[in-house]
N, C-alpha and C. Protein backbone atom coordinates (compact mmCIF):
# COMPACT_ATOMS: atom_id res chain seq x y z
N UNK A 1 -0.36 11.90 38.95
CA UNK A 1 -1.02 11.17 40.01
C UNK A 1 -0.75 9.69 39.82
N UNK A 2 -0.32 8.99 40.85
CA UNK A 2 -0.04 7.56 40.71
C UNK A 2 -1.30 6.75 40.49
N UNK A 3 -1.14 5.69 39.73
CA UNK A 3 -2.28 4.80 39.47
C UNK A 3 -2.54 3.95 40.71
N UNK A 4 -3.81 3.65 41.02
CA UNK A 4 -4.10 2.79 42.16
C UNK A 4 -3.59 1.38 41.91
N UNK A 5 -3.17 0.71 42.95
CA UNK A 5 -2.71 -0.67 42.84
C UNK A 5 -2.92 -1.38 44.18
N UNK A 6 -2.84 -2.68 44.16
CA UNK A 6 -2.95 -3.46 45.38
C UNK A 6 -4.36 -3.89 45.73
N UNK A 7 -5.31 -3.65 44.85
CA UNK A 7 -6.69 -4.03 45.13
C UNK A 7 -6.98 -5.43 44.60
N UNK A 8 -7.79 -6.17 45.33
CA UNK A 8 -8.27 -7.48 44.89
C UNK A 8 -9.76 -7.56 45.16
N UNK A 9 -10.45 -8.38 44.39
CA UNK A 9 -11.86 -8.60 44.69
C UNK A 9 -12.14 -10.10 44.63
N UNK A 10 -12.99 -10.52 45.55
CA UNK A 10 -13.38 -11.93 45.63
C UNK A 10 -14.89 -11.99 45.53
N UNK A 11 -15.35 -12.74 44.54
CA UNK A 11 -16.79 -12.94 44.37
C UNK A 11 -17.17 -14.24 45.06
N UNK A 12 -18.07 -14.18 46.02
CA UNK A 12 -18.49 -15.35 46.78
C UNK A 12 -19.70 -16.01 46.13
N UNK A 13 -19.97 -17.24 46.50
CA UNK A 13 -21.07 -18.01 45.91
C UNK A 13 -22.43 -17.38 46.17
N UNK A 14 -22.58 -16.66 47.28
CA UNK A 14 -23.88 -16.05 47.58
C UNK A 14 -24.09 -14.71 46.89
N UNK A 15 -23.16 -14.30 46.02
CA UNK A 15 -23.29 -13.05 45.29
C UNK A 15 -22.61 -11.87 45.95
N UNK A 16 -22.06 -12.08 47.13
CA UNK A 16 -21.35 -11.02 47.84
C UNK A 16 -19.97 -10.84 47.22
N UNK A 17 -19.52 -9.59 47.16
CA UNK A 17 -18.19 -9.27 46.64
C UNK A 17 -17.41 -8.57 47.75
N UNK A 18 -16.21 -9.09 48.03
CA UNK A 18 -15.33 -8.46 49.01
C UNK A 18 -14.17 -7.83 48.28
N UNK A 19 -13.95 -6.55 48.52
CA UNK A 19 -12.82 -5.84 47.92
C UNK A 19 -11.77 -5.67 49.01
N UNK A 20 -10.55 -6.04 48.67
CA UNK A 20 -9.44 -5.92 49.61
C UNK A 20 -8.37 -4.99 49.07
N UNK A 21 -7.58 -4.45 49.98
CA UNK A 21 -6.47 -3.58 49.59
C UNK A 21 -5.24 -4.00 50.37
N UNK A 22 -4.23 -4.46 49.64
CA UNK A 22 -2.98 -4.96 50.23
C UNK A 22 -3.24 -6.02 51.29
N UNK A 23 -4.15 -6.94 50.99
CA UNK A 23 -4.41 -8.07 51.87
C UNK A 23 -5.40 -7.84 53.00
N UNK A 24 -5.94 -6.64 53.11
CA UNK A 24 -6.90 -6.33 54.16
C UNK A 24 -8.26 -6.03 53.53
N UNK A 25 -9.36 -6.53 54.11
CA UNK A 25 -10.67 -6.23 53.55
C UNK A 25 -10.98 -4.73 53.64
N UNK A 26 -11.41 -4.17 52.53
CA UNK A 26 -11.72 -2.74 52.48
C UNK A 26 -13.23 -2.51 52.51
N UNK A 27 -13.99 -3.32 51.80
CA UNK A 27 -15.44 -3.17 51.79
C UNK A 27 -16.08 -4.46 51.29
N UNK A 28 -17.35 -4.61 51.61
CA UNK A 28 -18.13 -5.75 51.15
C UNK A 28 -19.38 -5.22 50.47
N UNK A 29 -19.66 -5.74 49.29
CA UNK A 29 -20.83 -5.32 48.51
C UNK A 29 -21.79 -6.49 48.40
N UNK A 30 -23.08 -6.18 48.52
CA UNK A 30 -24.12 -7.22 48.44
C UNK A 30 -25.24 -6.75 47.52
N UNK A 31 -25.95 -7.72 46.99
CA UNK A 31 -27.14 -7.43 46.19
C UNK A 31 -26.88 -6.63 44.94
N UNK A 32 -27.73 -5.62 44.67
CA UNK A 32 -27.60 -4.85 43.43
C UNK A 32 -26.29 -4.07 43.34
N UNK A 33 -25.75 -3.64 44.49
CA UNK A 33 -24.47 -2.93 44.46
C UNK A 33 -23.35 -3.84 43.97
N UNK A 34 -23.36 -5.10 44.39
CA UNK A 34 -22.35 -6.06 43.93
C UNK A 34 -22.49 -6.31 42.44
N UNK A 35 -23.71 -6.40 41.96
CA UNK A 35 -23.95 -6.62 40.53
C UNK A 35 -23.45 -5.45 39.71
N UNK A 36 -23.75 -4.21 40.16
CA UNK A 36 -23.27 -3.02 39.44
C UNK A 36 -21.75 -2.95 39.44
N UNK A 37 -21.14 -3.28 40.58
CA UNK A 37 -19.69 -3.27 40.69
C UNK A 37 -19.06 -4.24 39.70
N UNK A 38 -19.56 -5.48 39.65
CA UNK A 38 -19.00 -6.49 38.75
C UNK A 38 -19.14 -6.08 37.29
N UNK A 39 -20.27 -5.46 36.94
CA UNK A 39 -20.46 -4.98 35.57
C UNK A 39 -19.46 -3.87 35.24
N UNK A 40 -19.20 -2.99 36.20
CA UNK A 40 -18.27 -1.89 35.97
C UNK A 40 -16.83 -2.38 35.87
N UNK A 41 -16.47 -3.37 36.66
CA UNK A 41 -15.11 -3.93 36.60
C UNK A 41 -14.88 -4.61 35.26
N UNK A 42 -15.92 -5.21 34.70
CA UNK A 42 -15.78 -5.94 33.43
C UNK A 42 -15.44 -5.02 32.27
N UNK A 43 -15.88 -3.76 32.33
CA UNK A 43 -15.64 -2.85 31.20
C UNK A 43 -14.58 -1.79 31.46
N UNK A 44 -14.19 -1.60 32.72
CA UNK A 44 -13.24 -0.54 33.05
C UNK A 44 -11.94 -1.08 33.60
N UNK A 45 -11.06 -0.18 34.02
CA UNK A 45 -9.81 -0.54 34.67
C UNK A 45 -10.13 -1.07 36.07
N UNK A 46 -9.91 -2.35 36.34
CA UNK A 46 -10.32 -2.92 37.62
C UNK A 46 -9.71 -2.22 38.84
N UNK A 47 -8.45 -1.85 38.79
CA UNK A 47 -7.82 -1.19 39.94
C UNK A 47 -8.46 0.17 40.21
N UNK A 48 -8.73 0.92 39.18
CA UNK A 48 -9.35 2.22 39.33
C UNK A 48 -10.79 2.11 39.83
N UNK A 49 -11.52 1.13 39.32
CA UNK A 49 -12.90 0.91 39.75
C UNK A 49 -12.94 0.52 41.22
N UNK A 50 -12.05 -0.40 41.63
CA UNK A 50 -12.04 -0.83 43.03
C UNK A 50 -11.63 0.32 43.95
N UNK A 51 -10.69 1.15 43.52
CA UNK A 51 -10.29 2.30 44.33
C UNK A 51 -11.46 3.26 44.51
N UNK A 52 -12.21 3.48 43.45
CA UNK A 52 -13.35 4.39 43.54
C UNK A 52 -14.46 3.83 44.43
N UNK A 53 -14.74 2.54 44.32
CA UNK A 53 -15.80 1.93 45.12
C UNK A 53 -15.43 1.85 46.60
N UNK A 54 -14.16 1.80 46.92
CA UNK A 54 -13.76 1.76 48.32
C UNK A 54 -13.54 3.15 48.89
N UNK A 55 -13.54 4.16 48.05
CA UNK A 55 -13.31 5.52 48.52
C UNK A 55 -11.83 5.84 48.65
N UNK A 56 -10.97 4.98 48.15
CA UNK A 56 -9.53 5.18 48.27
C UNK A 56 -8.98 5.68 46.94
N UNK A 57 -9.53 6.77 46.44
CA UNK A 57 -9.08 7.26 45.14
C UNK A 57 -8.60 8.70 45.21
N UNK A 58 -8.75 9.37 46.31
CA UNK A 58 -8.33 10.76 46.42
C UNK A 58 -6.92 10.81 47.00
N UNK A 59 -5.95 10.56 46.18
CA UNK A 59 -4.58 10.57 46.65
C UNK A 59 -3.74 11.43 45.72
N UNK A 60 -2.93 12.28 46.30
CA UNK A 60 -1.99 13.03 45.50
C UNK A 60 -2.29 14.50 45.38
N UNK A 61 -3.53 14.92 45.51
CA UNK A 61 -3.83 16.33 45.30
C UNK A 61 -4.26 17.05 46.57
N UNK A 62 -4.20 16.37 47.72
CA UNK A 62 -4.67 17.01 48.95
C UNK A 62 -3.81 18.21 49.32
N UNK A 63 -2.49 18.09 49.15
CA UNK A 63 -1.60 19.18 49.52
C UNK A 63 -1.87 20.40 48.62
N UNK A 64 -2.06 20.16 47.35
CA UNK A 64 -2.35 21.25 46.42
C UNK A 64 -3.65 21.94 46.79
N UNK A 65 -4.66 21.18 47.13
CA UNK A 65 -5.96 21.76 47.49
C UNK A 65 -5.86 22.55 48.79
N UNK A 66 -5.05 22.09 49.72
CA UNK A 66 -4.91 22.78 51.00
C UNK A 66 -4.27 24.17 50.81
N UNK A 67 -3.41 24.30 49.80
CA UNK A 67 -2.73 25.57 49.56
C UNK A 67 -3.57 26.56 48.75
N UNK A 68 -4.70 26.12 48.24
CA UNK A 68 -5.54 27.00 47.44
C UNK A 68 -6.08 28.13 48.30
N UNK A 69 -6.13 29.37 47.79
CA UNK A 69 -6.59 30.51 48.58
C UNK A 69 -7.99 30.32 49.18
N UNK A 70 -8.85 29.62 48.49
CA UNK A 70 -10.20 29.41 48.99
C UNK A 70 -10.20 28.57 50.28
N UNK A 71 -9.19 27.70 50.43
CA UNK A 71 -9.13 26.80 51.58
C UNK A 71 -8.28 27.32 52.73
N UNK A 72 -7.69 28.47 52.58
CA UNK A 72 -6.89 29.06 53.66
C UNK A 72 -7.80 29.77 54.63
N UNK A 73 -7.39 29.80 55.90
CA UNK A 73 -8.20 30.49 56.91
C UNK A 73 -7.38 31.54 57.60
């Protein structure tokens, strides 16, 4: 599975955090969610954390899951 890349985060003076992906805004976090996000980025892989927080982390296994007998109709 390829590693996530292309994510950036900008922390604003009012405590808001904007996460972008390839130059486009992906999500904005405010208040306690922004604080939790910044703490998680400080200790983990920033690209992986940002991918998870934006919901852009499920890449690469969709085709495999679609072929699973449980998912066939």
